[in-house]
Structures are given as C-alpha cells and as structure tokens.
Amino acid sequence: MIYEVFRQERKGQPFVHGGSFHAPDQAFADAYAREFYARRQESVALWVVPREQIVEIDEFPDEFDLKYRRVDGYSIKARLAIARERAGSATSPGTDGG
C-alpha cells in the first residue's frame, strides 16, 4: 500500500507534502515516517495517510459561493436605496409640526 506523508516544520506553519512510500500496514508506515521525516527534529508533526484515503475536491457548487465576499457580487447601491427609502419615510423628532 502507498502512504503519503505531510509534515509540519514548525508549530503554526501549514502541513506540506513530504513524500510517498510503500508500507505493508499503518504501524509500519507510522514508524517509517517518524524515522525518515522526524528523526533529526526537522518536523514537529506528521500526517501519514494511505493514498487511497485522500479525496480530491475539484468542483465547488454555487451553494457555497458566498456573494458578500466577492466585490462583484454584493450590490451596495441596492442597500443604499433601501436605506434612503426608510430614512425618507421615517418621521424624525421635531418635524411633526408641533
């Protein structure tokens, strides 16, 4: 079975792909990864994952497209028009003629 190793060099840094290797089982893969990627303290954390367990996501449906995070998808003009309508229809104190 092929295992993929992701390593973190220092706490707070992202994990990066360290490499791949063949191993008969998870216990052997863990021991090998510790020996090969962390023996000299060049890594503070490791992820050892069977390659078949890694899932690629390459399509993102529109349900997760948050328009307010995009400059072209959030209309401030429409919001301002609504706010101006509310402000124009509300009576402010002291303008009721009394």
Protein backbone atom coordinates (compact mmCIF):
# COMPACT_ATOMS: atom_id res chain seq x y z
CA MET A 1 0.00 0.00 0.00
CA ILE A 2 1.24 3.51 -0.78
CA TYR A 3 1.26 6.08 2.03
CA GLU A 4 1.53 9.86 1.73
CA VAL A 5 3.34 11.90 4.37
CA PHE A 6 2.54 15.50 5.20
CA ARG A 7 4.88 17.28 7.57
CA GLN A 8 4.89 20.45 9.64
CA GLU A 9 8.31 22.03 10.17
CA ARG A 10 7.32 24.40 13.00
CA LYS A 11 4.16 24.85 15.05
CA GLY A 12 1.72 27.20 13.36
CA GLN A 13 3.02 26.51 9.87
CA PRO A 14 0.93 24.65 7.29
CA PHE A 15 1.49 20.99 6.56
CA VAL A 16 3.33 20.30 3.30
CA HIS A 17 3.65 17.10 1.32
CA GLY A 18 6.83 15.33 2.37
CA GLY A 19 6.73 12.31 0.10
CA SER A 20 5.32 8.85 -0.60
CA PHE A 21 6.41 5.31 0.25
CA HIS A 22 5.21 1.70 0.23
CA ALA A 23 4.42 0.00 3.55
CA PRO A 24 2.63 -3.25 4.47
CA ASP A 25 0.44 -1.63 7.18
CA GLN A 26 -0.28 1.56 9.12
CA ALA A 27 2.01 0.68 12.05
CA PHE A 28 4.97 0.18 9.74
CA ALA A 29 4.11 3.37 7.85
CA ASP A 30 3.98 5.38 11.09
CA ALA A 31 7.35 4.05 12.25
CA TYR A 32 8.94 4.64 8.86
CA ALA A 33 7.59 8.20 8.66
CA ARG A 34 8.89 9.01 12.15
CA GLU A 35 12.33 7.66 11.26
CA PHE A 36 12.56 9.26 7.85
CA TYR A 37 10.82 12.65 8.42
CA ALA A 38 11.28 13.43 12.12
CA ARG A 39 14.44 11.70 13.33
CA ARG A 40 16.51 14.89 13.33
CA GLN A 41 13.62 17.09 14.56
CA GLU A 42 13.05 18.53 11.08
CA SER A 43 9.31 18.07 11.66
CA VAL A 44 7.14 18.80 14.70
CA ALA A 45 4.08 16.91 13.40
CA LEU A 46 3.33 14.32 10.73
CA TRP A 47 0.22 13.12 8.93
CA VAL A 48 0.61 9.62 7.48
CA VAL A 49 -2.30 8.73 5.21
CA PRO A 50 -2.99 5.84 2.82
CA ARG A 51 -3.09 7.32 -0.68
CA GLU A 52 -6.49 5.73 -1.37
CA GLN A 53 -7.98 7.69 1.55
CA ILE A 54 -7.11 11.08 0.05
CA VAL A 55 -10.05 12.65 -1.76
CA GLU A 56 -9.66 15.37 -4.35
CA ILE A 57 -12.30 18.08 -4.46
CA ASP A 58 -12.20 19.99 -7.71
CA GLU A 59 -15.77 21.22 -8.15
CA PHE A 60 -17.41 23.67 -5.81
CA PRO A 61 -21.20 24.08 -6.09
CA ASP A 62 -22.81 27.52 -6.06
CA GLU A 63 -24.49 26.83 -2.69
CA PHE A 64 -21.16 27.60 -1.05
CA ASP A 65 -20.46 30.68 -3.15
CA LEU A 66 -20.81 33.49 -0.63
CA LYS A 67 -21.56 36.57 -2.71
CA TYR A 68 -20.71 39.04 0.04
CA ARG A 69 -17.07 38.00 -0.15
CA ARG A 70 -16.84 38.98 -3.80
CA VAL A 71 -16.60 42.59 -4.90
CA ASP A 72 -18.71 41.99 -7.99
CA GLY A 73 -21.41 40.01 -6.19
CA TYR A 74 -22.53 42.42 -3.48
CA SER A 75 -24.58 45.40 -4.54
CA ILE A 76 -24.09 48.29 -2.11
CA LYS A 77 -26.23 50.54 -4.34
CA ALA A 78 -29.33 48.43 -3.71
CA ARG A 79 -28.70 48.54 0.05
CA LEU A 80 -28.24 52.31 -0.02
CA ALA A 81 -31.50 52.79 -1.96
CA ILE A 82 -33.39 50.75 0.64
CA ALA A 83 -31.78 52.70 3.48
CA ARG A 84 -32.66 56.03 1.81
CA GLU A 85 -36.28 54.95 1.39
CA ARG A 86 -36.52 54.06 5.06
CA ALA A 87 -34.91 57.32 6.10
CA GLY A 88 -37.26 59.35 3.90
CA SER A 89 -40.41 57.65 5.16
CA ALA A 90 -39.50 57.81 8.86
CA THR A 91 -40.52 60.90 10.78
CA SER A 92 -37.73 62.45 12.71
CA PRO A 93 -38.34 64.12 16.08
CA GLY A 94 -39.37 67.75 15.90
CA THR A 95 -40.80 67.60 12.35
CA ASP A 96 -44.40 66.74 13.26
CA GLY A 97 -45.39 70.43 13.14
CA GLY A 98 -45.84 70.85 16.89
